[in-house]
């Protein structure tokens, strides 16, 4: 099973923004109200959960940004 990264890949950012150049990706993200961080190389970084919410038409917030709620189940231990 493949583990997904917490941030979008370069190819996913290209698919969303339509641009390969980081400067144009940044312009698109800012114009469309997306939150992002910049790396030291000035490349945009977008969180995966945030992107899923935005693409679903949900306004991301701290209350709905939890990917998968879980609780510790020790009932099968021992």
PDB file of N, CA and C in Angstrom:
ATOM      1  N   UNK A   1       0.842  -1.182   0.000  1.00  0.00           N
ATOM      2  CA  UNK A   1       0.000   0.000   0.000  1.00  0.00           C
ATOM      3  C   UNK A   1       0.884   1.241   0.000  1.00  0.00           C
ATOM      4  N   UNK A   2       0.568   2.166  -0.851  1.00  0.00           N
ATOM      5  CA  UNK A   2       1.363   3.381  -0.996  1.00  0.00           C
ATOM      6  C   UNK A   2       0.945   4.434   0.021  1.00  0.00           C
ATOM      7  N   UNK A   3       1.917   5.030   0.682  1.00  0.00           N
ATOM      8  CA  UNK A   3       1.645   6.084   1.651  1.00  0.00           C
ATOM      9  C   UNK A   3       1.616   7.432   0.944  1.00  0.00           C
ATOM     10  N   UNK A   4       0.555   8.203   1.148  1.00  0.00           N
ATOM     11  CA  UNK A   4       0.460   9.524   0.534  1.00  0.00           C
ATOM     12  C   UNK A   4       1.222  10.537   1.377  1.00  0.00           C
ATOM     13  N   UNK A   5       1.866  11.442   0.698  1.00  0.00           N
ATOM     14  CA  UNK A   5       2.562  12.526   1.377  1.00  0.00           C
ATOM     15  C   UNK A   5       1.557  13.539   1.912  1.00  0.00           C
ATOM     16  N   UNK A   6       1.980  14.297   2.865  1.00  0.00           N
ATOM     17  CA  UNK A   6       1.120  15.326   3.461  1.00  0.00           C
ATOM     18  C   UNK A   6       0.943  16.538   2.555  1.00  0.00           C
ATOM     19  N   UNK A   7       1.817  16.695   1.573  1.00  0.00           N
ATOM     20  CA  UNK A   7       1.724  17.828   0.656  1.00  0.00           C
ATOM     21  C   UNK A   7       1.559  17.327  -0.771  1.00  0.00           C
ATOM     22  N   UNK A   8       1.021  18.183  -1.625  1.00  0.00           N
ATOM     23  CA  UNK A   8       0.825  17.817  -3.027  1.00  0.00           C
ATOM     24  C   UNK A   8       2.172  17.697  -3.736  1.00  0.00           C
ATOM     25  N   UNK A   9       2.232  16.777  -4.691  1.00  0.00           N
ATOM     26  CA  UNK A   9       3.446  16.616  -5.498  1.00  0.00           C
ATOM     27  C   UNK A   9       3.519  17.735  -6.527  1.00  0.00           C
ATOM     28  N   UNK A  10       4.679  17.856  -7.160  1.00  0.00           N
ATOM     29  CA  UNK A  10       4.840  18.865  -8.213  1.00  0.00           C
ATOM     30  C   UNK A  10       3.826  18.643  -9.327  1.00  0.00           C
ATOM     31  N   UNK A  11       3.613  17.377  -9.704  1.00  0.00           N
ATOM     32  CA  UNK A  11       2.669  17.078 -10.784  1.00  0.00           C
ATOM     33  C   UNK A  11       1.226  17.414 -10.389  1.00  0.00           C
ATOM     34  N   UNK A  12       0.884  17.211  -9.133  1.00  0.00           N
ATOM     35  CA  UNK A  12      -0.460  17.560  -8.672  1.00  0.00           C
ATOM     36  C   UNK A  12      -0.672  19.076  -8.706  1.00  0.00           C
ATOM     37  N   UNK A  13       0.363  19.831  -8.338  1.00  0.00           N
ATOM     38  CA  UNK A  13       0.259  21.299  -8.420  1.00  0.00           C
ATOM     39  C   UNK A  13       0.103  21.750  -9.870  1.00  0.00           C
ATOM     40  N   UNK A  14       0.794  21.087 -10.785  1.00  0.00           N
ATOM     41  CA  UNK A  14       0.650  21.409 -12.207  1.00  0.00           C
ATOM     42  C   UNK A  14      -0.777  21.112 -12.657  1.00  0.00           C
ATOM     43  N   UNK A  15      -1.323  19.975 -12.224  1.00  0.00           N
ATOM     44  CA  UNK A  15      -2.683  19.601 -12.623  1.00  0.00           C
ATOM     45  C   UNK A  15      -3.716  20.603 -12.111  1.00  0.00           C
ATOM     46  N   UNK A  16      -3.516  21.109 -10.905  1.00  0.00           N
ATOM     47  CA  UNK A  16      -4.474  22.052 -10.318  1.00  0.00           C
ATOM     48  C   UNK A  16      -4.334  23.449 -10.927  1.00  0.00           C
ATOM     49  N   UNK A  17      -3.085  23.932 -11.026  1.00  0.00           N
ATOM     50  CA  UNK A  17      -2.871  25.312 -11.478  1.00  0.00           C
ATOM     51  C   UNK A  17      -2.797  25.443 -12.993  1.00  0.00           C
ATOM     52  N   UNK A  18      -2.386  24.377 -13.665  1.00  0.00           N
ATOM     53  CA  UNK A  18      -2.192  24.454 -15.107  1.00  0.00           C
ATOM     54  C   UNK A  18      -0.842  25.016 -15.498  1.00  0.00           C
ATOM     55  N   UNK A  19       0.023  25.243 -14.513  1.00  0.00           N
ATOM     56  CA  UNK A  19       1.331  25.845 -14.776  1.00  0.00           C
ATOM     57  C   UNK A  19       2.463  25.000 -14.195  1.00  0.00           C
ATOM     58  N   UNK A  20       3.588  24.946 -14.917  1.00  0.00           N
ATOM     59  CA  UNK A  20       4.785  24.253 -14.433  1.00  0.00           C
ATOM     60  C   UNK A  20       5.733  25.199 -13.691  1.00  0.00           C
ATOM     61  N   UNK A  21       5.754  26.449 -14.089  1.00  0.00           N
ATOM     62  CA  UNK A  21       6.654  27.415 -13.441  1.00  0.00           C
ATOM     63  C   UNK A  21       6.131  27.775 -12.050  1.00  0.00           C
ATOM     64  N   UNK A  22       6.979  27.641 -11.027  1.00  0.00           N
ATOM     65  CA  UNK A  22       6.534  27.975  -9.674  1.00  0.00           C
ATOM     66  C   UNK A  22       5.986  29.389  -9.540  1.00  0.00           C
ATOM     67  N   UNK A  23       6.575  30.355 -10.242  1.00  0.00           N
ATOM     68  CA  UNK A  23       6.088  31.732 -10.140  1.00  0.00           C
ATOM     69  C   UNK A  23       4.646  31.849 -10.637  1.00  0.00           C
ATOM     70  N   UNK A  24       4.313  31.112 -11.691  1.00  0.00           N
ATOM     71  CA  UNK A  24       2.944  31.144 -12.204  1.00  0.00           C
ATOM     72  C   UNK A  24       2.003  30.342 -11.313  1.00  0.00           C
ATOM     73  N   UNK A  25       2.507  29.268 -10.705  1.00  0.00           N
ATOM     74  CA  UNK A  25       1.705  28.511  -9.743  1.00  0.00           C
ATOM     75  C   UNK A  25       1.341  29.401  -8.564  1.00  0.00           C
ATOM     76  N   UNK A  26       2.307  30.173  -8.079  1.00  0.00           N
ATOM     77  CA  UNK A  26       2.083  31.079  -6.947  1.00  0.00           C
ATOM     78  C   UNK A  26       1.020  32.110  -7.308  1.00  0.00           C
ATOM     79  N   UNK A  27       1.109  32.679  -8.501  1.00  0.00           N
ATOM     80  CA  UNK A  27       0.113  33.664  -8.939  1.00  0.00           C
ATOM     81  C   UNK A  27      -1.277  33.038  -8.982  1.00  0.00           C
ATOM     82  N   UNK A  28      -1.385  31.821  -9.531  1.00  0.00           N
ATOM     83  CA  UNK A  28      -2.679  31.144  -9.621  1.00  0.00           C
ATOM     84  C   UNK A  28      -3.229  30.859  -8.230  1.00  0.00           C
ATOM     85  N   UNK A  29      -2.401  30.324  -7.354  1.00  0.00           N
ATOM     86  CA  UNK A  29      -2.839  29.998  -5.995  1.00  0.00           C
ATOM     87  C   UNK A  29      -3.336  31.255  -5.275  1.00  0.00           C
ATOM     88  N   UNK A  30      -2.583  32.343  -5.371  1.00  0.00           N
ATOM     89  CA  UNK A  30      -2.972  33.593  -4.710  1.00  0.00           C
ATOM     90  C   UNK A  30      -4.268  34.153  -5.307  1.00  0.00           C
ATOM     91  N   UNK A  31      -4.373  34.135  -6.621  1.00  0.00           N
ATOM     92  CA  UNK A  31      -5.564  34.667  -7.302  1.00  0.00           C
ATOM     93  C   UNK A  31      -6.821  33.889  -6.921  1.00  0.00           C
ATOM     94  N   UNK A  32      -6.676  32.596  -6.694  1.00  0.00           N
ATOM     95  CA  UNK A  32      -7.816  31.738  -6.397  1.00  0.00           C
ATOM     96  C   UNK A  32      -8.019  31.480  -4.910  1.00  0.00           C
ATOM     97  N   UNK A  33      -7.298  32.229  -4.070  1.00  0.00           N
ATOM     98  CA  UNK A  33      -7.521  32.170  -2.631  1.00  0.00           C
ATOM     99  C   UNK A  33      -7.009  30.929  -1.928  1.00  0.00           C
ATOM    100  N   UNK A  34      -5.998  30.282  -2.484  1.00  0.00           N
ATOM    101  CA  UNK A  34      -5.433  29.083  -1.870  1.00  0.00           C
ATOM    102  C   UNK A  34      -4.307  29.474  -0.910  1.00  0.00           C
ATOM    103  N   UNK A  35      -4.250  28.800   0.231  1.00  0.00           N
ATOM    104  CA  UNK A  35      -3.153  28.988   1.181  1.00  0.00           C
ATOM    105  C   UNK A  35      -1.986  28.101   0.749  1.00  0.00           C
ATOM    106  N   UNK A  36      -0.788  28.601   0.873  1.00  0.00           N
ATOM    107  CA  UNK A  36       0.397  27.829   0.511  1.00  0.00           C
ATOM    108  C   UNK A  36       1.587  28.369   1.287  1.00  0.00           C
ATOM    109  N   UNK A  37       2.631  27.581   1.327  1.00  0.00           N
ATOM    110  CA  UNK A  37       3.901  28.012   1.923  1.00  0.00           C
ATOM    111  C   UNK A  37       4.936  27.954   0.807  1.00  0.00           C
ATOM    112  N   UNK A  38       6.011  28.694   0.987  1.00  0.00           N
ATOM    113  CA  UNK A  38       7.085  28.672   0.004  1.00  0.00           C
ATOM    114  C   UNK A  38       8.302  27.971   0.580  1.00  0.00           C
ATOM    115  N   UNK A  39       8.938  27.147  -0.249  1.00  0.00           N
ATOM    116  CA  UNK A  39      10.192  26.525   0.160  1.00  0.00           C
ATOM    117  C   UNK A  39      11.310  27.556   0.024  1.00  0.00           C
ATOM    118  N   UNK A  40      12.501  27.181   0.437  1.00  0.00           N
ATOM    119  CA  UNK A  40      13.656  28.064   0.284  1.00  0.00           C
ATOM    120  C   UNK A  40      13.946  28.368  -1.172  1.00  0.00           C
ATOM    121  N   UNK A  41      13.529  27.467  -2.059  1.00  0.00           N
ATOM    122  CA  UNK A  41      13.720  27.656  -3.496  1.00  0.00           C
ATOM    123  C   UNK A  41      12.538  28.389  -4.134  1.00  0.00           C
ATOM    124  N   UNK A  42      11.644  28.934  -3.304  1.00  0.00           N
ATOM    125  CA  UNK A  42      10.465  29.693  -3.745  1.00  0.00           C
ATOM    126  C   UNK A  42       9.513  28.837  -4.577  1.00  0.00           C
ATOM    127  N   UNK A  43       9.323  27.594  -4.165  1.00  0.00           N
ATOM    128  CA  UNK A  43       8.337  26.713  -4.778  1.00  0.00           C
ATOM    129  C   UNK A  43       7.155  26.624  -3.829  1.00  0.00           C
ATOM    130  N   UNK A  44       5.919  26.681  -4.347  1.00  0.00           N
ATOM    131  CA  UNK A  44       4.755  26.606  -3.468  1.00  0.00           C
ATOM    132  C   UNK A  44       4.536  25.191  -2.932  1.00  0.00           C
ATOM    133  N   UNK A  45       4.099  25.119  -1.680  1.00  0.00           N
ATOM    134  CA  UNK A  45       3.765  23.858  -1.033  1.00  0.00           C
ATOM    135  C   UNK A  45       2.324  23.962  -0.544  1.00  0.00           C
ATOM    136  N   UNK A  46       1.496  22.984  -0.933  1.00  0.00           N
ATOM    137  CA  UNK A  46       0.083  22.976  -0.552  1.00  0.00           C
ATOM    138  C   UNK A  46      -0.201  21.672   0.183  1.00  0.00           C
ATOM    139  N   UNK A  47      -0.859  21.774   1.323  1.00  0.00           N
ATOM    140  CA  UNK A  47      -1.214  20.597   2.092  1.00  0.00           C
ATOM    141  C   UNK A  47      -2.270  19.760   1.383  1.00  0.00           C
ATOM    142  N   UNK A  48      -2.142  18.436   1.498  1.00  0.00           N
ATOM    143  CA  UNK A  48      -3.057  17.520   0.823  1.00  0.00           C
ATOM    144  C   UNK A  48      -4.487  17.626   1.350  1.00  0.00           C
ATOM    145  N   UNK A  49      -4.657  17.661   2.665  1.00  0.00           N
ATOM    146  CA  UNK A  49      -6.005  17.755   3.241  1.00  0.00           C
ATOM    147  C   UNK A  49      -6.637  19.085   2.851  1.00  0.00           C
ATOM    148  N   UNK A  50      -5.856  20.161   2.910  1.00  0.00           N
ATOM    149  CA  UNK A  50      -6.344  21.479   2.515  1.00  0.00           C
ATOM    150  C   UNK A  50      -6.832  21.447   1.066  1.00  0.00           C
ATOM    151  N   UNK A  51      -6.034  20.863   0.167  1.00  0.00           N
ATOM    152  CA  UNK A  51      -6.400  20.804  -1.247  1.00  0.00           C
ATOM    153  C   UNK A  51      -7.677  19.997  -1.449  1.00  0.00           C
ATOM    154  N   UNK A  52      -7.815  18.891  -0.738  1.00  0.00           N
ATOM    155  CA  UNK A  52      -9.039  18.086  -0.868  1.00  0.00           C
ATOM    156  C   UNK A  52     -10.274  18.883  -0.466  1.00  0.00           C
ATOM    157  N   UNK A  53     -10.156  19.639   0.608  1.00  0.00           N
ATOM    158  CA  UNK A  53     -11.288  20.452   1.056  1.00  0.00           C
ATOM    159  C   UNK A  53     -11.616  21.542   0.033  1.00  0.00           C
ATOM    160  N   UNK A  54     -10.584  22.228  -0.455  1.00  0.00           N
ATOM    161  CA  UNK A  54     -10.802  23.292  -1.446  1.00  0.00           C
ATOM    162  C   UNK A  54     -11.456  22.738  -2.703  1.00  0.00           C
ATOM    163  N   UNK A  55     -10.971  21.602  -3.180  1.00  0.00           N
ATOM    164  CA  UNK A  55     -11.510  21.020  -4.402  1.00  0.00           C
ATOM    165  C   UNK A  55     -12.929  20.492  -4.214  1.00  0.00           C
ATOM    166  N   UNK A  56     -13.289  20.196  -2.969  1.00  0.00           N
ATOM    167  CA  UNK A  56     -14.641  19.732  -2.669  1.00  0.00           C
ATOM    168  C   UNK A  56     -15.602  20.891  -2.432  1.00  0.00           C
ATOM    169  N   UNK A  57     -15.084  22.112  -2.472  1.00  0.00           N
ATOM    170  CA  UNK A  57     -15.937  23.271  -2.262  1.00  0.00           C
ATOM    171  C   UNK A  57     -16.179  23.594  -0.799  1.00  0.00           C
ATOM    172  N   UNK A  58     -15.371  23.028   0.088  1.00  0.00           N
ATOM    173  CA  UNK A  58     -15.490  23.269   1.519  1.00  0.00           C
ATOM    174  C   UNK A  58     -14.447  24.298   1.909  1.00  0.00           C
ATOM    175  N   UNK A  59     -14.850  25.301   2.683  1.00  0.00           N
ATOM    176  CA  UNK A  59     -13.889  26.296   3.144  1.00  0.00           C
ATOM    177  C   UNK A  59     -13.066  25.676   4.276  1.00  0.00           C
ATOM    178  N   UNK A  60     -11.775  25.421   4.028  1.00  0.00           N
ATOM    179  CA  UNK A  60     -10.954  24.786   5.049  1.00  0.00           C
ATOM    180  C   UNK A  60     -10.849  25.634   6.316  1.00  0.00           C
ATOM    181  N   UNK A  61     -10.961  24.955   7.454  1.00  0.00           N
ATOM    182  CA  UNK A  61     -10.786  25.605   8.756  1.00  0.00           C
ATOM    183  C   UNK A  61     -10.140  24.603   9.693  1.00  0.00           C
ATOM    184  N   UNK A  62      -9.796  25.054  10.876  1.00  0.00           N
ATOM    185  CA  UNK A  62      -9.147  24.147  11.826  1.00  0.00           C
ATOM    186  C   UNK A  62     -10.092  23.055  12.308  1.00  0.00           C
ATOM    187  N   UNK A  63     -11.395  23.259  12.222  1.00  0.00           N
ATOM    188  CA  UNK A  63     -12.330  22.243  12.692  1.00  0.00           C
ATOM    189  C   UNK A  63     -12.611  21.163  11.656  1.00  0.00           C
ATOM    190  N   UNK A  64     -12.495  21.485  10.357  1.00  0.00           N
ATOM    191  CA  UNK A  64     -12.771  20.460   9.358  1.00  0.00           C
ATOM    192  C   UNK A  64     -11.510  19.963   8.660  1.00  0.00           C
ATOM    193  N   UNK A  65     -10.346  20.338   9.130  1.00  0.00           N
ATOM    194  CA  UNK A  65      -9.095  19.953   8.481  1.00  0.00           C
ATOM    195  C   UNK A  65      -8.504  18.670   9.032  1.00  0.00           C
ATOM    196  N   UNK A  66      -9.212  17.980   9.887  1.00  0.00           N
ATOM    197  CA  UNK A  66      -8.718  16.708  10.402  1.00  0.00           C
ATOM    198  C   UNK A  66      -9.006  15.647   9.355  1.00  0.00           C
ATOM    199  N   UNK A  67      -7.955  14.995   8.877  1.00  0.00           N
ATOM    200  CA  UNK A  67      -8.099  14.028   7.789  1.00  0.00           C
ATOM    201  C   UNK A  67      -8.948  12.836   8.200  1.00  0.00           C
ATOM    202  N   UNK A  68      -8.550  12.147   9.216  1.00  0.00           N
ATOM    203  CA  UNK A  68      -9.273  10.964   9.652  1.00  0.00           C
ATOM    204  C   UNK A  68      -9.230  10.894  11.172  1.00  0.00           C
ATOM    205  N   UNK A  69     -10.339  11.209  11.828  1.00  0.00           N
ATOM    206  CA  UNK A  69     -10.337  11.129  13.274  1.00  0.00           C
ATOM    207  C   UNK A  69     -10.135   9.676  13.719  1.00  0.00           C
ATOM    208  N   UNK A  70      -9.403   9.486  14.800  1.00  0.00           N
ATOM    209  CA  UNK A  70      -9.164   8.142  15.292  1.00  0.00           C
ATOM    210  C   UNK A  70      -9.103   8.168  16.802  1.00  0.00           C
ATOM    211  N   UNK A  71      -9.220   7.004  17.379  1.00  0.00           N
ATOM    212  CA  UNK A  71      -9.045   6.866  18.818  1.00  0.00           C
ATOM    213  C   UNK A  71      -8.263   5.583  19.069  1.00  0.00           C
ATOM    214  N   UNK A  72      -7.569   5.552  20.153  1.00  0.00           N
ATOM    215  CA  UNK A  72      -6.744   4.408  20.509  1.00  0.00           C
ATOM    216  C   UNK A  72      -7.648   3.281  21.013  1.00  0.00           C
ATOM    217  N   UNK A  73      -7.556   2.124  20.360  1.00  0.00           N
ATOM    218  CA  UNK A  73      -8.375   0.963  20.722  1.00  0.00           C
ATOM    219  C   UNK A  73      -7.458  -0.128  21.265  1.00  0.00           C
ATOM    220  N   UNK A  74      -7.457  -0.290  22.578  1.00  0.00           N
ATOM    221  CA  UNK A  74      -6.612  -1.289  23.209  1.00  0.00           C
ATOM    222  C   UNK A  74      -7.398  -2.558  23.550  1.00  0.00           C
ATOM    223  N   UNK A  75      -8.602  -2.693  23.040  1.00  0.00           N
ATOM    224  CA  UNK A  75      -9.451  -3.814  23.409  1.00  0.00           C
ATOM    225  C   UNK A  75      -8.899  -5.159  22.904  1.00  0.00           C
ATOM    226  N   UNK A  76      -8.076  -5.142  21.876  1.00  0.00           N
ATOM    227  CA  UNK A  76      -7.542  -6.387  21.325  1.00  0.00           C
ATOM    228  C   UNK A  76      -6.108  -6.672  21.764  1.00  0.00           C
ATOM    229  N   UNK A  77      -5.614  -5.883  22.692  1.00  0.00           N
ATOM    230  CA  UNK A  77      -4.249  -6.080  23.192  1.00  0.00           C
ATOM    231  C   UNK A  77      -4.297  -7.021  24.378  1.00  0.00           C
ATOM    232  N   UNK A  78      -3.366  -7.972  24.395  1.00  0.00           N
ATOM    233  CA  UNK A  78      -3.246  -8.834  25.564  1.00  0.00           C
ATOM    234  C   UNK A  78      -3.853 -10.109  25.463  1.00  0.00           C
TER     235      UNK A  78
END
